[in-house]
């Protein structure tokens, strides 16, 4: 590792400080549809395929897998 990399690791107070770079805060094709998906989730719909079928007519051009991954995160990161 370079001196700069070692210094960056040493200076980081939390692991989150190390998550920087070109992939952070990058827009997703799903961003415009997240409020809709969140609303459907809060109403009890947890079926990714069903939600994908609902947003494709609304103009969503992304994959089913992206929706599935988004909902997986919601399932595994519940706020208590």
N, C-alpha and C. Protein backbone atom coordinates (compact mmCIF):
# COMPACT_ATOMS: atom_id res chain seq x y z
N UNK A 1 0.84 -1.18 0.00
CA UNK A 1 0.00 0.00 0.00
C UNK A 1 0.88 1.24 0.00
N UNK A 2 0.33 2.27 -0.57
CA UNK A 2 1.06 3.54 -0.59
C UNK A 2 0.92 4.24 0.76
N UNK A 3 1.79 5.19 1.00
CA UNK A 3 1.73 5.98 2.24
C UNK A 3 0.38 6.66 2.37
N UNK A 4 -0.12 7.19 1.26
CA UNK A 4 -1.41 7.90 1.29
C UNK A 4 -2.55 6.97 1.71
N UNK A 5 -2.56 5.74 1.21
CA UNK A 5 -3.61 4.78 1.57
C UNK A 5 -3.53 4.43 3.05
N UNK A 6 -2.32 4.15 3.54
CA UNK A 6 -2.14 3.82 4.95
C UNK A 6 -2.59 4.98 5.83
N UNK A 7 -2.23 6.21 5.44
CA UNK A 7 -2.63 7.39 6.21
C UNK A 7 -4.15 7.54 6.22
N UNK A 8 -4.78 7.30 5.08
CA UNK A 8 -6.25 7.39 5.00
C UNK A 8 -6.89 6.40 5.96
N UNK A 9 -6.39 5.16 6.00
CA UNK A 9 -6.93 4.16 6.92
C UNK A 9 -6.68 4.56 8.38
N UNK A 10 -5.51 5.06 8.65
CA UNK A 10 -5.16 5.44 10.02
C UNK A 10 -5.96 6.63 10.51
N UNK A 11 -6.25 7.57 9.62
CA UNK A 11 -6.96 8.79 10.02
C UNK A 11 -8.47 8.61 10.12
N UNK A 12 -9.01 7.55 9.58
CA UNK A 12 -10.46 7.34 9.58
C UNK A 12 -10.95 7.02 10.99
N UNK A 13 -11.92 7.79 11.47
CA UNK A 13 -12.49 7.55 12.80
C UNK A 13 -13.51 6.42 12.76
N UNK A 14 -14.18 6.26 11.61
CA UNK A 14 -15.18 5.20 11.45
C UNK A 14 -14.97 4.53 10.09
N UNK A 15 -15.42 3.31 9.94
CA UNK A 15 -15.29 2.63 8.64
C UNK A 15 -16.01 3.38 7.51
N UNK A 16 -17.12 4.06 7.84
CA UNK A 16 -17.89 4.76 6.82
C UNK A 16 -17.07 5.86 6.14
N UNK A 17 -16.10 6.41 6.84
CA UNK A 17 -15.26 7.46 6.24
C UNK A 17 -14.41 6.93 5.09
N UNK A 18 -14.24 5.62 5.04
CA UNK A 18 -13.43 5.02 3.97
C UNK A 18 -14.23 4.79 2.70
N UNK A 19 -15.56 4.88 2.80
CA UNK A 19 -16.40 4.66 1.63
C UNK A 19 -16.57 5.95 0.84
N UNK A 20 -15.59 6.27 0.07
CA UNK A 20 -15.64 7.46 -0.77
C UNK A 20 -15.19 7.06 -2.16
N UNK A 21 -15.44 7.92 -3.11
CA UNK A 21 -14.98 7.63 -4.46
C UNK A 21 -16.08 7.72 -5.48
N UNK A 22 -15.79 7.20 -6.65
CA UNK A 22 -16.67 7.38 -7.80
C UNK A 22 -18.01 6.69 -7.65
N UNK A 23 -18.13 5.67 -6.82
CA UNK A 23 -19.38 4.92 -6.73
C UNK A 23 -20.32 5.47 -5.65
N UNK A 24 -19.86 6.38 -4.85
CA UNK A 24 -20.70 6.91 -3.79
C UNK A 24 -21.62 8.00 -4.33
N UNK A 25 -22.84 8.00 -3.86
CA UNK A 25 -23.86 8.99 -4.24
C UNK A 25 -24.13 9.02 -5.75
N UNK A 26 -23.93 7.91 -6.38
CA UNK A 26 -24.19 7.80 -7.81
C UNK A 26 -25.68 7.57 -8.03
N UNK A 27 -26.29 8.31 -8.95
CA UNK A 27 -27.73 8.11 -9.17
C UNK A 27 -28.03 6.71 -9.71
N UNK A 28 -29.19 6.21 -9.34
CA UNK A 28 -29.63 4.89 -9.77
C UNK A 28 -30.88 5.04 -10.62
N UNK A 29 -31.09 4.10 -11.54
CA UNK A 29 -32.31 4.13 -12.35
C UNK A 29 -33.54 3.90 -11.47
N UNK A 30 -33.32 3.40 -10.27
CA UNK A 30 -34.42 3.11 -9.36
C UNK A 30 -34.81 4.31 -8.50
N UNK A 31 -33.97 5.33 -8.43
CA UNK A 31 -34.20 6.47 -7.54
C UNK A 31 -35.59 7.10 -7.68
N UNK A 32 -36.05 7.31 -8.89
CA UNK A 32 -37.35 7.95 -9.11
C UNK A 32 -38.52 7.08 -8.65
N UNK A 33 -38.29 5.78 -8.50
CA UNK A 33 -39.36 4.85 -8.17
C UNK A 33 -39.32 4.39 -6.71
N UNK A 34 -38.28 4.78 -5.98
CA UNK A 34 -38.17 4.37 -4.57
C UNK A 34 -39.33 4.86 -3.71
N UNK A 35 -39.79 6.10 -3.87
CA UNK A 35 -40.96 6.50 -3.06
C UNK A 35 -42.18 5.61 -3.32
N UNK A 36 -42.41 5.23 -4.56
CA UNK A 36 -43.52 4.34 -4.89
C UNK A 36 -43.32 2.98 -4.24
N UNK A 37 -42.10 2.43 -4.37
CA UNK A 37 -41.82 1.12 -3.79
C UNK A 37 -41.93 1.17 -2.26
N UNK A 38 -41.45 2.23 -1.66
CA UNK A 38 -41.55 2.38 -0.21
C UNK A 38 -43.00 2.45 0.24
N UNK A 39 -43.81 3.15 -0.53
CA UNK A 39 -45.23 3.25 -0.21
C UNK A 39 -45.91 1.89 -0.31
N UNK A 40 -45.61 1.16 -1.37
CA UNK A 40 -46.20 -0.18 -1.54
C UNK A 40 -45.72 -1.11 -0.43
N UNK A 41 -44.44 -0.99 -0.04
CA UNK A 41 -43.88 -1.80 1.04
C UNK A 41 -44.64 -1.52 2.35
N UNK A 42 -44.87 -0.24 2.63
CA UNK A 42 -45.55 0.14 3.87
C UNK A 42 -47.01 -0.31 3.89
N UNK A 43 -47.56 -0.54 2.70
CA UNK A 43 -48.94 -1.04 2.61
C UNK A 43 -49.00 -2.56 2.63
N UNK A 44 -47.83 -3.22 2.78
CA UNK A 44 -47.82 -4.66 2.93
C UNK A 44 -47.40 -5.46 1.72
N UNK A 45 -47.15 -4.81 0.59
CA UNK A 45 -46.70 -5.54 -0.60
C UNK A 45 -45.19 -5.76 -0.48
N UNK A 46 -44.77 -7.02 -0.39
CA UNK A 46 -43.35 -7.34 -0.27
C UNK A 46 -42.85 -8.20 -1.43
N UNK A 47 -43.66 -8.34 -2.45
CA UNK A 47 -43.32 -9.17 -3.59
C UNK A 47 -42.60 -8.33 -4.65
N UNK A 48 -41.32 -8.61 -4.84
CA UNK A 48 -40.51 -7.83 -5.77
C UNK A 48 -41.02 -7.95 -7.21
N UNK A 49 -41.42 -9.14 -7.59
CA UNK A 49 -41.91 -9.33 -8.97
C UNK A 49 -43.17 -8.50 -9.22
N UNK A 50 -44.06 -8.51 -8.25
CA UNK A 50 -45.30 -7.73 -8.37
C UNK A 50 -44.98 -6.24 -8.50
N UNK A 51 -44.06 -5.76 -7.67
CA UNK A 51 -43.70 -4.34 -7.73
C UNK A 51 -43.02 -4.00 -9.06
N UNK A 52 -42.19 -4.92 -9.55
CA UNK A 52 -41.55 -4.70 -10.85
C UNK A 52 -42.61 -4.57 -11.94
N UNK A 53 -43.60 -5.47 -11.91
CA UNK A 53 -44.69 -5.41 -12.89
C UNK A 53 -45.46 -4.09 -12.80
N UNK A 54 -45.55 -3.50 -11.62
CA UNK A 54 -46.29 -2.26 -11.43
C UNK A 54 -45.52 -1.04 -11.92
N UNK A 55 -44.18 -1.04 -11.80
CA UNK A 55 -43.45 0.18 -12.17
C UNK A 55 -42.95 0.19 -13.61
N UNK A 56 -42.92 -0.97 -14.25
CA UNK A 56 -42.53 -0.98 -15.67
C UNK A 56 -43.47 -0.11 -16.52
N UNK A 57 -44.79 -0.22 -16.34
CA UNK A 57 -45.67 0.67 -17.11
C UNK A 57 -45.51 2.16 -16.75
N UNK A 58 -44.91 2.42 -15.59
CA UNK A 58 -44.67 3.81 -15.18
C UNK A 58 -43.40 4.38 -15.80
N UNK A 59 -42.66 3.53 -16.55
CA UNK A 59 -41.47 4.00 -17.23
C UNK A 59 -40.16 3.44 -16.72
N UNK A 60 -40.19 2.56 -15.74
CA UNK A 60 -38.96 1.98 -15.19
C UNK A 60 -38.27 1.14 -16.25
N UNK A 61 -36.98 1.40 -16.48
CA UNK A 61 -36.22 0.68 -17.51
C UNK A 61 -35.20 -0.29 -16.92
N UNK A 62 -35.10 -0.33 -15.60
CA UNK A 62 -34.10 -1.17 -14.95
C UNK A 62 -34.55 -2.62 -14.85
N UNK A 63 -33.73 -3.39 -14.17
CA UNK A 63 -33.98 -4.83 -14.07
C UNK A 63 -34.79 -5.18 -12.83
N UNK A 64 -35.38 -6.36 -12.89
CA UNK A 64 -36.09 -6.92 -11.75
C UNK A 64 -35.11 -7.14 -10.59
N UNK A 65 -33.88 -7.57 -10.91
CA UNK A 65 -32.88 -7.86 -9.88
C UNK A 65 -32.57 -6.64 -9.03
N UNK A 66 -32.60 -5.46 -9.62
CA UNK A 66 -32.32 -4.23 -8.87
C UNK A 66 -33.42 -3.99 -7.83
N UNK A 67 -34.65 -4.25 -8.20
CA UNK A 67 -35.77 -4.10 -7.26
C UNK A 67 -35.67 -5.15 -6.17
N UNK A 68 -35.34 -6.36 -6.57
CA UNK A 68 -35.18 -7.44 -5.60
C UNK A 68 -34.10 -7.11 -4.58
N UNK A 69 -32.98 -6.56 -5.04
CA UNK A 69 -31.90 -6.18 -4.13
C UNK A 69 -32.33 -5.05 -3.20
N UNK A 70 -33.06 -4.08 -3.74
CA UNK A 70 -33.54 -2.96 -2.93
C UNK A 70 -34.46 -3.47 -1.82
N UNK A 71 -35.37 -4.37 -2.15
CA UNK A 71 -36.29 -4.91 -1.15
C UNK A 71 -35.58 -5.83 -0.18
N UNK A 72 -34.56 -6.52 -0.63
CA UNK A 72 -33.76 -7.37 0.26
C UNK A 72 -33.12 -6.51 1.34
N UNK A 73 -32.60 -5.35 0.95
CA UNK A 73 -32.02 -4.42 1.93
C UNK A 73 -33.07 -3.98 2.94
N UNK A 74 -34.28 -3.74 2.48
CA UNK A 74 -35.35 -3.33 3.39
C UNK A 74 -35.69 -4.47 4.37
N UNK A 75 -35.65 -5.70 3.87
CA UNK A 75 -35.96 -6.83 4.72
C UNK A 75 -34.90 -7.06 5.78
N UNK A 76 -33.65 -6.88 5.42
CA UNK A 76 -32.56 -7.22 6.33
C UNK A 76 -32.11 -6.05 7.21
N UNK A 77 -32.54 -4.84 6.91
CA UNK A 77 -32.14 -3.67 7.71
C UNK A 77 -33.36 -3.02 8.34
N UNK A 78 -34.10 -3.80 9.06
CA UNK A 78 -35.30 -3.28 9.73
C UNK A 78 -34.90 -2.33 10.85
N UNK A 79 -35.64 -1.27 11.01
CA UNK A 79 -35.41 -0.37 12.13
C UNK A 79 -36.35 -0.76 13.27
N UNK A 80 -35.80 -1.00 14.40
CA UNK A 80 -36.59 -1.45 15.54
C UNK A 80 -36.97 -0.29 16.35
